[in-house]
């Protein structure tokens, strides 16, 4: 599962959802605050932690 950050244009709030990639591609995301569908994904930074040194 991946965490995605979304922004709702209707209520101007940001929220996070944990979704599988397949769920993200097929389902439309609704705002948990106002139930609006005018939502877009926010670009965020991420880091990966591995056990091996490169």
N, C-alpha and C. Protein backbone atom coordinates (compact mmCIF):
# COMPACT_ATOMS: atom_id res chain seq x y z
N UNK A 1 0.83 -1.19 0.00
CA UNK A 1 0.00 0.00 0.00
C UNK A 1 0.87 1.24 0.00
N UNK A 2 0.39 2.23 -0.69
CA UNK A 2 1.09 3.51 -0.74
C UNK A 2 0.21 4.59 -0.15
N UNK A 3 0.86 5.61 0.39
CA UNK A 3 0.12 6.75 0.91
C UNK A 3 0.10 7.83 -0.14
N UNK A 4 -1.08 8.36 -0.40
CA UNK A 4 -1.27 9.43 -1.37
C UNK A 4 -1.83 10.64 -0.64
N UNK A 5 -1.37 11.82 -1.02
CA UNK A 5 -1.86 13.06 -0.45
C UNK A 5 -2.73 13.73 -1.50
N UNK A 6 -3.92 14.16 -1.08
CA UNK A 6 -4.87 14.79 -1.98
C UNK A 6 -5.27 16.16 -1.43
N UNK A 7 -5.74 17.02 -2.34
CA UNK A 7 -6.24 18.33 -1.97
C UNK A 7 -7.64 18.50 -2.54
N UNK A 8 -8.57 18.92 -1.70
CA UNK A 8 -9.96 19.13 -2.13
C UNK A 8 -10.15 20.60 -2.51
N UNK A 9 -10.55 20.84 -3.73
CA UNK A 9 -10.79 22.20 -4.21
C UNK A 9 -12.07 22.79 -3.62
N UNK A 10 -13.00 21.95 -3.19
CA UNK A 10 -14.28 22.43 -2.67
C UNK A 10 -14.15 23.02 -1.27
N UNK A 11 -13.40 22.33 -0.37
CA UNK A 11 -13.28 22.82 1.01
C UNK A 11 -11.86 23.28 1.35
N UNK A 12 -10.94 23.21 0.37
CA UNK A 12 -9.54 23.66 0.54
C UNK A 12 -8.81 22.95 1.67
N UNK A 13 -9.04 21.64 1.79
CA UNK A 13 -8.36 20.85 2.81
C UNK A 13 -7.52 19.75 2.15
N UNK A 14 -6.42 19.42 2.81
CA UNK A 14 -5.53 18.36 2.36
C UNK A 14 -5.78 17.12 3.22
N UNK A 15 -5.70 15.95 2.61
CA UNK A 15 -5.89 14.70 3.35
C UNK A 15 -5.05 13.60 2.73
N UNK A 16 -4.82 12.56 3.51
CA UNK A 16 -3.98 11.43 3.09
C UNK A 16 -4.82 10.17 3.05
N UNK A 17 -4.61 9.36 2.02
CA UNK A 17 -5.29 8.06 1.91
C UNK A 17 -4.26 6.99 1.62
N UNK A 18 -4.40 5.84 2.23
CA UNK A 18 -3.56 4.68 1.94
C UNK A 18 -4.31 3.79 0.96
N UNK A 19 -3.75 3.63 -0.24
CA UNK A 19 -4.42 2.88 -1.29
C UNK A 19 -3.43 1.95 -2.00
N UNK A 20 -3.93 0.84 -2.50
CA UNK A 20 -3.15 0.02 -3.42
C UNK A 20 -3.12 0.74 -4.76
N UNK A 21 -2.10 0.49 -5.55
CA UNK A 21 -1.99 1.16 -6.84
C UNK A 21 -3.20 0.89 -7.72
N UNK A 22 -3.71 -0.34 -7.68
CA UNK A 22 -4.88 -0.69 -8.49
C UNK A 22 -6.11 0.10 -8.05
N UNK A 23 -6.26 0.30 -6.75
CA UNK A 23 -7.38 1.08 -6.23
C UNK A 23 -7.28 2.54 -6.68
N UNK A 24 -6.09 3.08 -6.66
CA UNK A 24 -5.88 4.48 -7.05
C UNK A 24 -6.24 4.71 -8.51
N UNK A 25 -5.94 3.74 -9.36
CA UNK A 25 -6.19 3.89 -10.79
C UNK A 25 -7.67 3.76 -11.14
N UNK A 26 -8.42 2.92 -10.43
CA UNK A 26 -9.80 2.66 -10.83
C UNK A 26 -10.84 3.47 -10.06
N UNK A 27 -10.55 3.82 -8.82
CA UNK A 27 -11.55 4.50 -7.99
C UNK A 27 -11.36 6.01 -8.02
N UNK A 28 -12.47 6.73 -7.97
CA UNK A 28 -12.37 8.17 -7.79
C UNK A 28 -12.31 8.43 -6.29
N UNK A 29 -11.49 9.38 -5.90
CA UNK A 29 -11.29 9.69 -4.49
C UNK A 29 -12.23 10.82 -4.10
N UNK A 30 -12.88 10.66 -2.97
CA UNK A 30 -13.75 11.71 -2.46
C UNK A 30 -13.16 12.27 -1.17
N UNK A 31 -13.46 13.51 -0.91
CA UNK A 31 -12.95 14.20 0.27
C UNK A 31 -13.65 13.66 1.53
N UNK A 32 -12.88 13.31 2.57
CA UNK A 32 -13.50 12.81 3.80
C UNK A 32 -14.20 13.90 4.61
N UNK A 33 -13.90 15.17 4.32
CA UNK A 33 -14.49 16.28 5.06
C UNK A 33 -15.84 16.72 4.48
N UNK A 34 -15.86 16.98 3.16
CA UNK A 34 -17.08 17.52 2.56
C UNK A 34 -17.72 16.55 1.55
N UNK A 35 -17.10 15.40 1.34
CA UNK A 35 -17.58 14.38 0.39
C UNK A 35 -17.53 14.86 -1.06
N UNK A 36 -16.78 15.92 -1.32
CA UNK A 36 -16.65 16.45 -2.67
C UNK A 36 -15.76 15.57 -3.54
N UNK A 37 -15.96 15.65 -4.84
CA UNK A 37 -15.18 14.86 -5.79
C UNK A 37 -14.21 15.73 -6.59
N UNK A 38 -14.14 17.02 -6.28
CA UNK A 38 -13.22 17.93 -6.95
C UNK A 38 -11.87 17.87 -6.24
N UNK A 39 -11.21 16.70 -6.37
CA UNK A 39 -10.00 16.37 -5.62
C UNK A 39 -8.87 16.09 -6.60
N UNK A 40 -7.66 16.56 -6.27
CA UNK A 40 -6.51 16.20 -7.09
C UNK A 40 -5.35 15.77 -6.18
N UNK A 41 -4.49 14.94 -6.74
CA UNK A 41 -3.35 14.41 -6.01
C UNK A 41 -2.26 15.45 -5.93
N UNK A 42 -1.64 15.57 -4.75
CA UNK A 42 -0.56 16.51 -4.51
C UNK A 42 0.76 15.76 -4.69
N UNK A 43 1.72 16.41 -5.33
CA UNK A 43 3.04 15.82 -5.50
C UNK A 43 3.80 15.95 -4.19
N UNK A 44 4.33 14.82 -3.71
CA UNK A 44 5.08 14.82 -2.45
C UNK A 44 6.41 14.11 -2.63
N UNK A 45 7.32 14.36 -1.74
CA UNK A 45 8.63 13.69 -1.76
C UNK A 45 8.53 12.40 -0.96
N UNK A 46 9.39 11.46 -1.29
CA UNK A 46 9.44 10.23 -0.53
C UNK A 46 10.87 9.76 -0.44
N UNK A 47 11.14 8.84 0.46
CA UNK A 47 12.47 8.24 0.57
C UNK A 47 12.30 6.75 0.79
N UNK A 48 13.27 6.01 0.30
CA UNK A 48 13.27 4.56 0.45
C UNK A 48 14.44 4.17 1.34
N UNK A 49 14.16 3.29 2.29
CA UNK A 49 15.20 2.82 3.21
C UNK A 49 15.50 1.37 2.84
N UNK A 50 16.77 1.10 2.60
CA UNK A 50 17.18 -0.27 2.29
C UNK A 50 18.21 -0.73 3.31
N UNK A 51 18.42 -2.03 3.37
CA UNK A 51 19.36 -2.56 4.36
C UNK A 51 20.78 -2.62 3.83
N UNK A 52 20.95 -2.52 2.52
CA UNK A 52 22.30 -2.59 1.93
C UNK A 52 22.83 -1.19 1.65
N UNK A 53 24.12 -1.04 1.86
CA UNK A 53 24.76 0.23 1.52
C UNK A 53 25.20 0.17 0.08
N UNK A 54 25.08 1.27 -0.62
CA UNK A 54 25.48 1.27 -2.03
C UNK A 54 26.82 1.90 -2.25
